[in-house]
PDB file of all heavy atoms in Angstrom:
ATOM      1  N   VAL A   1      61.098  46.451 -96.147  1.00  0.00           N
ATOM      2  CA  VAL A   1      62.113  47.087 -95.326  1.00  0.00           C
ATOM      3  C   VAL A   1      61.556  48.408 -94.854  1.00  0.00           C
ATOM      4  O   VAL A   1      61.136  49.228 -95.661  1.00  0.00           O
ATOM      5  CB  VAL A   1      63.406  47.341 -96.126  1.00  0.00           C
ATOM      6  CG1 VAL A   1      64.448  47.999 -95.239  1.00  0.00           C
ATOM      7  CG2 VAL A   1      63.933  46.026 -96.675  1.00  0.00           C
ATOM      8  N   VAL A   2      61.534  48.633 -93.558  1.00  0.00           N
ATOM      9  CA  VAL A   2      60.997  49.870 -93.013  1.00  0.00           C
ATOM     10  C   VAL A   2      62.015  50.466 -92.055  1.00  0.00           C
ATOM     11  O   VAL A   2      62.412  49.816 -91.099  1.00  0.00           O
ATOM     12  CB  VAL A   2      59.678  49.637 -92.262  1.00  0.00           C
ATOM     13  CG1 VAL A   2      59.128  50.953 -91.763  1.00  0.00           C
ATOM     14  CG2 VAL A   2      58.671  48.945 -93.164  1.00  0.00           C
ATOM     15  N   CYS A   3      62.437  51.673 -92.347  1.00  0.00           N
ATOM     16  CA  CYS A   3      63.344  52.388 -91.457  1.00  0.00           C
ATOM     17  C   CYS A   3      62.512  53.410 -90.707  1.00  0.00           C
ATOM     18  O   CYS A   3      61.875  54.257 -91.316  1.00  0.00           O
ATOM     19  CB  CYS A   3      64.440  53.091 -92.272  1.00  0.00           C
ATOM     20  SG  CYS A   3      65.463  51.936 -93.211  1.00  0.00           S
ATOM     21  N   LEU A   4      62.545  53.353 -89.401  1.00  0.00           N
ATOM     22  CA  LEU A   4      61.669  54.188 -88.589  1.00  0.00           C
ATOM     23  C   LEU A   4      62.431  55.357 -87.987  1.00  0.00           C
ATOM     24  O   LEU A   4      63.531  55.196 -87.499  1.00  0.00           O
ATOM     25  CB  LEU A   4      61.079  53.361 -87.441  1.00  0.00           C
ATOM     26  CG  LEU A   4      60.206  52.162 -87.843  1.00  0.00           C
ATOM     27  CD1 LEU A   4      59.780  51.456 -86.573  1.00  0.00           C
ATOM     28  CD2 LEU A   4      59.018  52.641 -88.612  1.00  0.00           C
ATOM     29  N   SER A   5      61.818  56.530 -88.038  1.00  0.00           N
ATOM     30  CA  SER A   5      62.303  57.638 -87.219  1.00  0.00           C
ATOM     31  C   SER A   5      61.742  57.436 -85.823  1.00  0.00           C
ATOM     32  O   SER A   5      60.801  56.691 -85.632  1.00  0.00           O
ATOM     33  CB  SER A   5      61.824  58.972 -87.810  1.00  0.00           C
ATOM     34  OG  SER A   5      60.420  58.994 -87.887  1.00  0.00           O
ATOM     35  N   ALA A   6      62.329  58.102 -84.852  1.00  0.00           N
ATOM     36  CA  ALA A   6      61.957  57.852 -83.465  1.00  0.00           C
ATOM     37  C   ALA A   6      60.475  58.083 -83.256  1.00  0.00           C
ATOM     38  O   ALA A   6      59.956  59.153 -83.538  1.00  0.00           O
ATOM     39  CB  ALA A   6      62.755  58.788 -82.551  1.00  0.00           C
ATOM     40  N   GLY A   7      59.789  57.037 -82.763  1.00  0.00           N
ATOM     41  CA  GLY A   7      58.385  57.152 -82.400  1.00  0.00           C
ATOM     42  C   GLY A   7      57.413  57.089 -83.553  1.00  0.00           C
ATOM     43  O   GLY A   7      56.221  57.172 -83.332  1.00  0.00           O
ATOM     44  N   SER A   8      57.846  56.961 -84.825  1.00  0.00           N
ATOM     45  CA  SER A   8      56.903  56.991 -85.941  1.00  0.00           C
ATOM     46  C   SER A   8      56.145  55.685 -86.011  1.00  0.00           C
ATOM     47  O   SER A   8      56.720  54.621 -85.911  1.00  0.00           O
ATOM     48  CB  SER A   8      57.651  57.231 -87.262  1.00  0.00           C
ATOM     49  OG  SER A   8      58.506  56.151 -87.559  1.00  0.00           O
ATOM     50  N   TRP A   9      54.833  55.784 -86.203  1.00  0.00           N
ATOM     51  CA  TRP A   9      53.844  54.688 -86.204  1.00  0.00           C
ATOM     52  C   TRP A   9      54.206  53.548 -85.259  1.00  0.00           C
ATOM     53  O   TRP A   9      54.030  52.379 -85.559  1.00  0.00           O
ATOM     54  CB  TRP A   9      53.536  54.176 -87.611  1.00  0.00           C
ATOM     55  CG  TRP A   9      54.675  53.732 -88.488  1.00  0.00           C
ATOM     56  CD1 TRP A   9      55.429  54.489 -89.303  1.00  0.00           C
ATOM     57  CD2 TRP A   9      55.162  52.394 -88.655  1.00  0.00           C
ATOM     58  NE1 TRP A   9      56.351  53.728 -89.963  1.00  0.00           N
ATOM     59  CE2 TRP A   9      56.216  52.444 -89.597  1.00  0.00           C
ATOM     60  CE3 TRP A   9      54.827  51.159 -88.134  1.00  0.00           C
ATOM     61  CZ2 TRP A   9      56.920  51.325 -89.998  1.00  0.00           C
ATOM     62  CZ3 TRP A   9      55.534  50.048 -88.544  1.00  0.00           C
ATOM     63  CH2 TRP A   9      56.571  50.152 -89.464  1.00  0.00           C
ATOM     64  N   ALA A  10      54.688  53.902 -84.055  1.00  0.00           N
ATOM     65  CA  ALA A  10      55.096  52.879 -83.089  1.00  0.00           C
ATOM     66  C   ALA A  10      53.931  51.969 -82.706  1.00  0.00           C
ATOM     67  O   ALA A  10      54.114  50.780 -82.464  1.00  0.00           O
ATOM     68  CB  ALA A  10      55.658  53.547 -81.837  1.00  0.00           C
ATOM     69  N   GLN A  11      52.736  52.552 -82.663  1.00  0.00           N
ATOM     70  CA  GLN A  11      51.593  51.751 -82.268  1.00  0.00           C
ATOM     71  C   GLN A  11      51.251  50.703 -83.311  1.00  0.00           C
ATOM     72  O   GLN A  11      50.660  49.676 -82.996  1.00  0.00           O
ATOM     73  CB  GLN A  11      50.388  52.661 -82.011  1.00  0.00           C
ATOM     74  CG  GLN A  11      50.582  53.599 -80.829  1.00  0.00           C
ATOM     75  CD  GLN A  11      49.363  54.467 -80.610  1.00  0.00           C
ATOM     76  OE1 GLN A  11      48.487  54.556 -81.454  1.00  0.00           O
ATOM     77  NE2 GLN A  11      49.314  55.113 -79.462  1.00  0.00           N
ATOM     78  N   ASN A  12      51.605  50.964 -84.571  1.00  0.00           N
ATOM     79  CA  ASN A  12      51.272  50.030 -85.640  1.00  0.00           C
ATOM     80  C   ASN A  12      52.388  49.040 -85.945  1.00  0.00           C
ATOM     81  O   ASN A  12      52.190  48.107 -86.716  1.00  0.00           O
ATOM     82  CB  ASN A  12      50.949  50.804 -86.925  1.00  0.00           C
ATOM     83  CG  ASN A  12      49.667  51.599 -86.789  1.00  0.00           C
ATOM     84  OD1 ASN A  12      48.745  51.158 -86.136  1.00  0.00           O
ATOM     85  ND2 ASN A  12      49.622  52.771 -87.393  1.00  0.00           N
ATOM     86  N   ALA A  13      53.581  49.258 -85.380  1.00  0.00           N
ATOM     87  CA  ALA A  13      54.716  48.393 -85.705  1.00  0.00           C
ATOM     88  C   ALA A  13      54.474  46.986 -85.194  1.00  0.00           C
ATOM     89  O   ALA A  13      53.972  46.786 -84.093  1.00  0.00           O
ATOM     90  CB  ALA A  13      55.990  48.957 -85.077  1.00  0.00           C
ATOM     91  N   PRO A  14      54.817  45.951 -85.988  1.00  0.00           N
ATOM     92  CA  PRO A  14      54.653  44.573 -85.522  1.00  0.00           C
ATOM     93  C   PRO A  14      55.516  44.316 -84.297  1.00  0.00           C
ATOM     94  O   PRO A  14      56.598  44.893 -84.161  1.00  0.00           O
ATOM     95  CB  PRO A  14      55.132  43.744 -86.725  1.00  0.00           C
ATOM     96  CG  PRO A  14      55.052  44.667 -87.893  1.00  0.00           C
ATOM     97  CD  PRO A  14      55.342  46.040 -87.351  1.00  0.00           C
ATOM     98  N   PRO A  15      55.067  43.451 -83.380  1.00  0.00           N
ATOM     99  CA  PRO A  15      55.868  43.156 -82.185  1.00  0.00           C
ATOM    100  C   PRO A  15      57.166  42.466 -82.555  1.00  0.00           C
ATOM    101  O   PRO A  15      57.248  41.746 -83.550  1.00  0.00           O
ATOM    102  CB  PRO A  15      54.951  42.244 -81.357  1.00  0.00           C
ATOM    103  CG  PRO A  15      53.986  41.684 -82.341  1.00  0.00           C
ATOM    104  CD  PRO A  15      53.794  42.726 -83.391  1.00  0.00           C
ATOM    105  N   THR A  16      58.180  42.691 -81.753  1.00  0.00           N
ATOM    106  CA  THR A  16      59.481  42.050 -81.983  1.00  0.00           C
ATOM    107  C   THR A  16      59.417  40.594 -81.527  1.00  0.00           C
ATOM    108  O   THR A  16      58.487  40.169 -80.837  1.00  0.00           O
ATOM    109  CB  THR A  16      60.583  42.783 -81.210  1.00  0.00           C
ATOM    110  OG1 THR A  16      60.319  42.652 -79.803  1.00  0.00           O
ATOM    111  CG2 THR A  16      60.617  44.260 -81.573  1.00  0.00           C
ATOM    112  N   ASP A  17      60.465  39.811 -81.902  1.00  0.00           N
ATOM    113  CA  ASP A  17      60.525  38.418 -81.482  1.00  0.00           C
ATOM    114  C   ASP A  17      60.557  38.303 -79.959  1.00  0.00           C
ATOM    115  O   ASP A  17      59.950  37.401 -79.374  1.00  0.00           O
ATOM    116  CB  ASP A  17      61.753  37.730 -82.075  1.00  0.00           C
ATOM    117  CG  ASP A  17      61.640  37.557 -83.584  1.00  0.00           C
ATOM    118  OD1 ASP A  17      60.506  37.671 -84.096  1.00  0.00           O
ATOM    119  OD2 ASP A  17      62.666  37.309 -84.235  1.00  0.00           O
ATOM    120  N   ALA A  18      61.277  39.236 -79.320  1.00  0.00           N
ATOM    121  CA  ALA A  18      61.354  39.199 -77.857  1.00  0.00           C
ATOM    122  C   ALA A  18      59.980  39.450 -77.241  1.00  0.00           C
ATOM    123  O   ALA A  18      59.595  38.815 -76.254  1.00  0.00           O
ATOM    124  CB  ALA A  18      62.361  40.241 -77.357  1.00  0.00           C
ATOM    125  N   GLN A  19      59.219  40.380 -77.845  1.00  0.00           N
ATOM    126  CA  GLN A  19      57.874  40.661 -77.336  1.00  0.00           C
ATOM    127  C   GLN A  19      56.960  39.456 -77.540  1.00  0.00           C
ATOM    128  O   GLN A  19      56.139  39.136 -76.683  1.00  0.00           O
ATOM    129  CB  GLN A  19      57.311  41.894 -78.029  1.00  0.00           C
ATOM    130  CG  GLN A  19      58.002  43.191 -77.628  1.00  0.00           C
ATOM    131  CD  GLN A  19      57.573  44.362 -78.489  1.00  0.00           C
ATOM    132  OE1 GLN A  19      57.230  44.205 -79.655  1.00  0.00           O
ATOM    133  NE2 GLN A  19      57.571  45.554 -77.900  1.00  0.00           N
ATOM    134  N   ARG A  20      57.100  38.796 -78.702  1.00  0.00           N
ATOM    135  CA  ARG A  20      56.277  37.610 -78.952  1.00  0.00           C
ATOM    136  C   ARG A  20      56.622  36.484 -77.965  1.00  0.00           C
ATOM    137  O   ARG A  20      55.744  35.766 -77.495  1.00  0.00           O
ATOM    138  CB  ARG A  20      56.467  37.125 -80.391  1.00  0.00           C
ATOM    139  CG  ARG A  20      55.937  38.102 -81.425  1.00  0.00           C
ATOM    140  CD  ARG A  20      56.088  37.534 -82.833  1.00  0.00           C
ATOM    141  NE  ARG A  20      55.745  38.514 -83.835  1.00  0.00           N
ATOM    142  CZ  ARG A  20      54.511  38.820 -84.205  1.00  0.00           C
ATOM    143  NH1 ARG A  20      53.495  38.213 -83.627  1.00  0.00           N
ATOM    144  NH2 ARG A  20      54.286  39.722 -85.124  1.00  0.00           N
ATOM    145  N   ALA A  21      57.909  36.329 -77.678  1.00  0.00           N
ATOM    146  CA  ALA A  21      58.334  35.296 -76.734  1.00  0.00           C
ATOM    147  C   ALA A  21      57.748  35.559 -75.356  1.00  0.00           C
ATOM    148  O   ALA A  21      57.363  34.623 -74.638  1.00  0.00           O
ATOM    149  CB  ALA A  21      59.852  35.245 -76.671  1.00  0.00           C
ATOM    150  N   ALA A  22      57.686  36.829 -74.984  1.00  0.00           N
ATOM    151  CA  ALA A  22      57.149  37.182 -73.678  1.00  0.00           C
ATOM    152  C   ALA A  22      55.651  36.907 -73.590  1.00  0.00           C
ATOM    153  O   ALA A  22      55.098  36.750 -72.495  1.00  0.00           O
ATOM    154  CB  ALA A  22      57.426  38.657 -73.383  1.00  0.00           C
ATOM    155  N   GLN A  23      54.972  36.832 -74.761  1.00  0.00           N
ATOM    156  CA  GLN A  23      53.531  36.610 -74.777  1.00  0.00           C
ATOM    157  C   GLN A  23      53.165  35.129 -74.699  1.00  0.00           C
ATOM    158  O   GLN A  23      52.001  34.783 -74.540  1.00  0.00           O
ATOM    159  CB  GLN A  23      52.934  37.218 -76.055  1.00  0.00           C
ATOM    160  CG  GLN A  23      53.028  38.737 -76.102  1.00  0.00           C
ATOM    161  CD  GLN A  23      52.628  39.296 -77.464  1.00  0.00           C
ATOM    162  OE1 GLN A  23      52.286  38.547 -78.374  1.00  0.00           O
ATOM    163  NE2 GLN A  23      52.673  40.605 -77.597  1.00  0.00           N
ATOM    164  N   VAL A  24      54.148  34.235 -74.828  1.00  0.00           N
ATOM    165  CA  VAL A  24      53.872  32.796 -74.788  1.00  0.00           C
ATOM    166  C   VAL A  24      53.529  32.388 -73.361  1.00  0.00           C
ATOM    167  O   VAL A  24      54.295  32.644 -72.426  1.00  0.00           O
ATOM    168  CB  VAL A  24      55.082  31.986 -75.305  1.00  0.00           C
ATOM    169  CG1 VAL A  24      54.817  30.488 -75.148  1.00  0.00           C
ATOM    170  CG2 VAL A  24      55.357  32.331 -76.763  1.00  0.00           C
ATOM    171  N   ASP A  25      52.400  31.720 -73.199  1.00  0.00           N
ATOM    172  CA  ASP A  25      51.973  31.264 -71.879  1.00  0.00           C
ATOM    173  C   ASP A  25      52.811  30.051 -71.452  1.00  0.00           C
ATOM    174  O   ASP A  25      53.078  29.153 -72.265  1.00  0.00           O
ATOM    175  CB  ASP A  25      50.491  30.878 -71.917  1.00  0.00           C
ATOM    176  CG  ASP A  25      49.965  30.583 -70.536  1.00  0.00           C
ATOM    177  OD1 ASP A  25      50.095  29.420 -70.107  1.00  0.00           O
ATOM    178  OD2 ASP A  25      49.420  31.496 -69.879  1.00  0.00           O
ATOM    179  N   ASP A  26      53.206  30.007 -70.184  1.00  0.00           N
ATOM    180  CA  ASP A  26      54.035  28.905 -69.695  1.00  0.00           C
ATOM    181  C   ASP A  26      53.332  27.558 -69.839  1.00  0.00           C
ATOM    182  O   ASP A  26      53.989  26.518 -69.994  1.00  0.00           O
ATOM    183  CB  ASP A  26      54.407  29.125 -68.226  1.00  0.00           C
ATOM    184  CG  ASP A  26      55.488  30.178 -68.068  1.00  0.00           C
ATOM    185  OD1 ASP A  26      56.154  30.494 -69.079  1.00  0.00           O
ATOM    186  OD2 ASP A  26      55.676  30.676 -66.947  1.00  0.00           O
ATOM    187  N   ASN A  27      51.996  27.563 -69.795  1.00  0.00           N
ATOM    188  CA  ASN A  27      51.240  26.314 -69.866  1.00  0.00           C
ATOM    189  C   ASN A  27      50.840  25.941 -71.292  1.00  0.00           C
ATOM    190  O   ASN A  27      50.167  24.926 -71.494  1.00  0.00           O
ATOM    191  CB  ASN A  27      49.989  26.404 -68.990  1.00  0.00           C
ATOM    192  CG  ASN A  27      50.338  26.546 -67.512  1.00  0.00           C
ATOM    193  OD1 ASN A  27      51.240  25.870 -67.023  1.00  0.00           O
ATOM    194  ND2 ASN A  27      49.644  27.432 -66.821  1.00  0.00           N
ATOM    195  N   GLN A  28      51.248  26.734 -72.258  1.00  0.00           N
ATOM    196  CA  GLN A  28      50.930  26.435 -73.654  1.00  0.00           C
ATOM    197  C   GLN A  28      51.683  25.194 -74.112  1.00  0.00           C
ATOM    198  O   GLN A  28      52.878  25.048 -73.874  1.00  0.00           O
ATOM    199  CB  GLN A  28      51.300  27.631 -74.541  1.00  0.00           C
ATOM    200  CG  GLN A  28      51.060  27.413 -76.024  1.00  0.00           C
ATOM    201  CD  GLN A  28      51.450  28.643 -76.829  1.00  0.00           C
ATOM    202  OE1 GLN A  28      51.432  29.766 -76.323  1.00  0.00           O
ATOM    203  NE2 GLN A  28      51.808  28.434 -78.088  1.00  0.00           N
ATOM    204  N   ILE A  29      50.977  24.270 -74.764  1.00  0.00           N
ATOM    205  CA  ILE A  29      51.617  23.059 -75.269  1.00  0.00           C
ATOM    206  C   ILE A  29      52.344  23.401 -76.571  1.00  0.00           C
ATOM    207  O   ILE A  29      51.769  23.977 -77.497  1.00  0.00           O
ATOM    208  CB  ILE A  29      50.593  21.943 -75.509  1.00  0.00           C
ATOM    209  CG1 ILE A  29      49.855  21.610 -74.209  1.00  0.00           C
ATOM    210  CG2 ILE A  29      51.271  20.704 -76.072  1.00  0.00           C
ATOM    211  CD1 ILE A  29      50.763  21.114 -73.104  1.00  0.00           C
ATOM    212  N   VAL A  30      53.617  23.026 -76.634  1.00  0.00           N
ATOM    213  CA  VAL A  30      54.436  23.336 -77.804  1.00  0.00           C
ATOM    214  C   VAL A  30      55.138  22.074 -78.297  1.00  0.00           C
ATOM    215  O   VAL A  30      55.222  21.067 -77.589  1.00  0.00           O
ATOM    216  CB  VAL A  30      55.481  24.417 -77.471  1.00  0.00           C
ATOM    217  CG1 VAL A  30      54.817  25.717 -77.059  1.00  0.00           C
ATOM    218  CG2 VAL A  30      56.446  23.926 -76.389  1.00  0.00           C
ATOM    219  N   SER A  31      55.618  22.140 -79.551  1.00  0.00           N
ATOM    220  CA  SER A  31      56.467  21.070 -80.077  1.00  0.00           C
ATOM    221  C   SER A  31      57.896  21.385 -79.660  1.00  0.00           C
ATOM    222  O   SER A  31      58.556  22.253 -80.243  1.00  0.00           O
ATOM    223  CB  SER A  31      56.347  20.985 -81.601  1.00  0.00           C
ATOM    224  OG  SER A  31      55.045  20.609 -81.970  1.00  0.00           O
ATOM    225  N   CYS A  32      58.358  20.697 -78.648  1.00  0.00           N
ATOM    226  CA  CYS A  32      59.654  21.000 -78.040  1.00  0.00           C
ATOM    227  C   CYS A  32      60.746  20.127 -78.654  1.00  0.00           C
ATOM    228  O   CYS A  32      60.639  18.895 -78.672  1.00  0.00           O
ATOM    229  CB  CYS A  32      59.573  20.768 -76.539  1.00  0.00           C
ATOM    230  SG  CYS A  32      61.101  21.124 -75.657  1.00  0.00           S
ATOM    231  N   LEU A  33      61.779  20.793 -79.184  1.00  0.00           N
ATOM    232  CA  LEU A  33      62.936  20.063 -79.698  1.00  0.00           C
ATOM    233  C   LEU A  33      63.942  19.933 -78.563  1.00  0.00           C
ATOM    234  O   LEU A  33      64.618  20.893 -78.196  1.00  0.00           O
ATOM    235  CB  LEU A  33      63.550  20.806 -80.883  1.00  0.00           C
ATOM    236  CG  LEU A  33      64.701  20.104 -81.605  1.00  0.00           C
ATOM    237  CD1 LEU A  33      64.245  18.760 -82.181  1.00  0.00           C
ATOM    238  CD2 LEU A  33      65.253  20.987 -82.719  1.00  0.00           C
ATOM    239  N   LEU A  34      64.008  18.724 -78.009  1.00  0.00           N
ATOM    240  CA  LEU A  34      64.845  18.500 -76.832  1.00  0.00           C
ATOM    241  C   LEU A  34      66.331  18.402 -77.208  1.00  0.00           C
ATOM    242  O   LEU A  34      66.668  18.031 -78.338  1.00  0.00           O
ATOM    243  CB  LEU A  34      64.418  17.206 -76.137  1.00  0.00           C
ATOM    244  CG  LEU A  34      62.998  17.217 -75.547  1.00  0.00           C
ATOM    245  CD1 LEU A  34      62.620  15.812 -75.086  1.00  0.00           C
ATOM    246  CD2 LEU A  34      62.907  18.215 -74.403  1.00  0.00           C
ATOM    247  N   PRO A  35      67.215  18.715 -76.254  1.00  0.00           N
ATOM    248  CA  PRO A  35      68.647  18.553 -76.520  1.00  0.00           C
ATOM    249  C   PRO A  35      68.975  17.073 -76.772  1.00  0.00           C
ATOM    250  O   PRO A  35      68.291  16.178 -76.287  1.00  0.00           O
ATOM    251  CB  PRO A  35      69.315  19.040 -75.233  1.00  0.00           C
ATOM    252  CG  PRO A  35      68.279  19.873 -74.551  1.00  0.00           C
ATOM    253  CD  PRO A  35      66.959  19.282 -74.917  1.00  0.00           C
ATOM    254  N   ALA A  36      69.988  16.849 -77.565  1.00  0.00           N
ATOM    255  CA  ALA A  36      70.383  15.473 -77.880  1.00  0.00           C
ATOM    256  C   ALA A  36      70.971  14.780 -76.644  1.00  0.00           C
ATOM    257  O   ALA A  36      71.794  15.374 -75.931  1.00  0.00           O
ATOM    258  CB  ALA A  36      71.393  15.468 -79.018  1.00  0.00           C
ATOM    259  N   ARG A  37      70.547  13.554 -76.413  1.00  0.00           N
ATOM    260  CA  ARG A  37      71.181  12.754 -75.359  1.00  0.00           C
ATOM    261  C   ARG A  37      72.529  12.230 -75.876  1.00  0.00           C
ATOM    262  O   ARG A  37      72.665  11.927 -77.063  1.00  0.00           O
ATOM    263  CB  ARG A  37      70.281  11.584 -74.968  1.00  0.00           C
ATOM    264  CG  ARG A  37      69.009  12.027 -74.273  1.00  0.00           C
ATOM    265  CD  ARG A  37      68.185  10.847 -73.806  1.00  0.00           C
ATOM    266  NE  ARG A  37      67.729  10.010 -74.908  1.00  0.00           N
ATOM    267  CZ  ARG A  37      66.840   9.029 -74.777  1.00  0.00           C
ATOM    268  NH1 ARG A  37      66.334   8.755 -73.578  1.00  0.00           N
ATOM    269  NH2 ARG A  37      66.473   8.315 -75.809  1.00  0.00           N
ATOM    270  N   VAL A  38      73.506  12.164 -74.990  1.00  0.00           N
ATOM    271  CA  VAL A  38      74.850  11.716 -75.374  1.00  0.00           C
ATOM    272  C   VAL A  38      75.013  10.265 -74.955  1.00  0.00           C
ATOM    273  O   VAL A  38      74.756   9.902 -73.802  1.00  0.00           O
ATOM    274  CB  VAL A  38      75.941  12.584 -74.713  1.00  0.00           C
ATOM    275  CG1 VAL A  38      77.332  12.077 -75.111  1.00  0.00           C
ATOM    276  CG2 VAL A  38      75.759  14.039 -75.102  1.00  0.00           C
ATOM    277  N   ARG A  39      75.421   9.446 -75.912  1.00  0.00           N
ATOM    278  CA  ARG A  39      75.583   8.015 -75.652  1.00  0.00           C
ATOM    279  C   ARG A  39      77.060   7.605 -75.804  1.00  0.00           C
ATOM    280  O   ARG A  39      77.833   8.296 -76.474  1.00  0.00           O
ATOM    281  CB  ARG A  39      74.700   7.210 -76.615  1.00  0.00           C
ATOM    282  CG  ARG A  39      73.220   7.504 -76.474  1.00  0.00           C
ATOM    283  CD  ARG A  39      72.409   6.666 -77.439  1.00  0.00           C
ATOM    284  NE  ARG A  39      72.476   5.251 -77.089  1.00  0.00           N
ATOM    285  CZ  ARG A  39      71.667   4.647 -76.218  1.00  0.00           C
ATOM    286  NH1 ARG A  39      70.741   5.370 -75.579  1.00  0.00           N
ATOM    287  NH2 ARG A  39      71.788   3.364 -75.965  1.00  0.00           N
ATOM    288  N   LYS A  40      77.368   6.477 -75.187  1.00  0.00           N
ATOM    289  CA  LYS A  40      78.727   5.956 -75.296  1.00  0.00           C
ATOM    290  C   LYS A  40      78.658   4.486 -75.684  1.00  0.00           C
ATOM    291  O   LYS A  40      77.925   3.701 -75.077  1.00  0.00           O
ATOM    292  CB  LYS A  40      79.484   6.119 -73.981  1.00  0.00           C
ATOM    293  CG  LYS A  40      80.927   5.620 -74.055  1.00  0.00           C
ATOM    294  CD  LYS A  40      81.684   5.877 -72.762  1.00  0.00           C
ATOM    295  CE  LYS A  40      83.123   5.383 -72.886  1.00  0.00           C
ATOM    296  NZ  LYS A  40      83.887   5.623 -71.645  1.00  0.00           N
ATOM    297  N   LEU A  41      79.396   4.172 -76.722  1.00  0.00           N
ATOM    298  CA  LEU A  41      79.482   2.784 -77.167  1.00  0.00           C
ATOM    299  C   LEU A  41      80.964   2.419 -77.220  1.00  0.00           C
ATOM    300  O   LEU A  41      81.690   2.846 -78.117  1.00  0.00           O
ATOM    301  CB  LEU A  41      78.833   2.609 -78.542  1.00  0.00           C
ATOM    302  CG  LEU A  41      78.921   1.201 -79.140  1.00  0.00           C
ATOM    303  CD1 LEU A  41      78.203   0.177 -78.254  1.00  0.00           C
ATOM    304  CD2 LEU A  41      78.331   1.195 -80.549  1.00  0.00           C
ATOM    305  N   GLY A  42      81.393   1.629 -76.235  1.00  0.00           N
ATOM    306  CA  GLY A  42      82.829   1.323 -76.147  1.00  0.00           C
ATOM    307  C   GLY A  42      83.603   2.604 -75.909  1.00  0.00           C
ATOM    308  O   GLY A  42      83.371   3.328 -74.947  1.00  0.00           O
ATOM    309  N   GLY A  43      84.505   2.915 -76.825  1.00  0.00           N
ATOM    310  CA  GLY A  43      85.278   4.147 -76.683  1.00  0.00           C
ATOM    311  C   GLY A  43      84.716   5.296 -77.496  1.00  0.00           C
ATOM    312  O   GLY A  43      85.360   6.337 -77.628  1.00  0.00           O
ATOM    313  N   ILE A  44      83.518   5.087 -78.054  1.00  0.00           N
ATOM    314  CA  ILE A  44      82.922   6.122 -78.913  1.00  0.00           C
ATOM    315  C   ILE A  44      81.820   6.836 -78.144  1.00  0.00           C
ATOM    316  O   ILE A  44      80.916   6.207 -77.588  1.00  0.00           O
ATOM    317  CB  ILE A  44      82.342   5.507 -80.200  1.00  0.00           C
ATOM    318  CG1 ILE A  44      83.439   4.779 -80.983  1.00  0.00           C
ATOM    319  CG2 ILE A  44      81.687   6.581 -81.072  1.00  0.00           C
ATOM    320  CD1 ILE A  44      82.910   4.022 -82.190  1.00  0.00           C
ATOM    321  N   VAL A  45      81.917   8.132 -78.124  1.00  0.00           N
ATOM    322  CA  VAL A  45      80.883   8.977 -77.517  1.00  0.00           C
ATOM    323  C   VAL A  45      80.213   9.767 -78.638  1.00  0.00           C
ATOM    324  O   VAL A  45      80.898  10.415 -79.440  1.00  0.00           O
ATOM    325  CB  VAL A  45      81.482   9.937 -76.472  1.00  0.00           C
ATOM    326  CG1 VAL A  45      80.402  10.844 -75.909  1.00  0.00           C
ATOM    327  CG2 VAL A  45      82.169   9.142 -75.361  1.00  0.00           C
ATOM    328  N   TYR A  46      78.893   9.717 -78.687  1.00  0.00           N
ATOM    329  CA  TYR A  46      78.196  10.397 -79.785  1.00  0.00           C
ATOM    330  C   TYR A  46      76.820  10.884 -79.305  1.00  0.00           C
ATOM    331  O   TYR A  46      76.233  10.300 -78.384  1.00  0.00           O
ATOM    332  CB  TYR A  46      78.026   9.463 -80.983  1.00  0.00           C
ATOM    333  CG  TYR A  46      77.148   8.261 -80.705  1.00  0.00           C
ATOM    334  CD1 TYR A  46      75.790   8.283 -81.013  1.00  0.00           C
ATOM    335  CD2 TYR A  46      77.688   7.107 -80.114  1.00  0.00           C
ATOM    336  CE1 TYR A  46      74.988   7.180 -80.752  1.00  0.00           C
ATOM    337  CE2 TYR A  46      76.897   6.007 -79.850  1.00  0.00           C
ATOM    338  CZ  TYR A  46      75.532   6.049 -80.171  1.00  0.00           C
ATOM    339  OH  TYR A  46      74.745   4.969 -79.893  1.00  0.00           O
TER     340      TYR A  46
END
């Protein structure tokens, strides 16, 4: 647990999740969890 005062060791702080997301290349191959397809069987939708 690290509580930072303003600007302290900012250069050494690990990147945030948002910063890491921004670093992902659009052409990078990933394991994509796709949304579930919705099916209908008779009167049942699942």
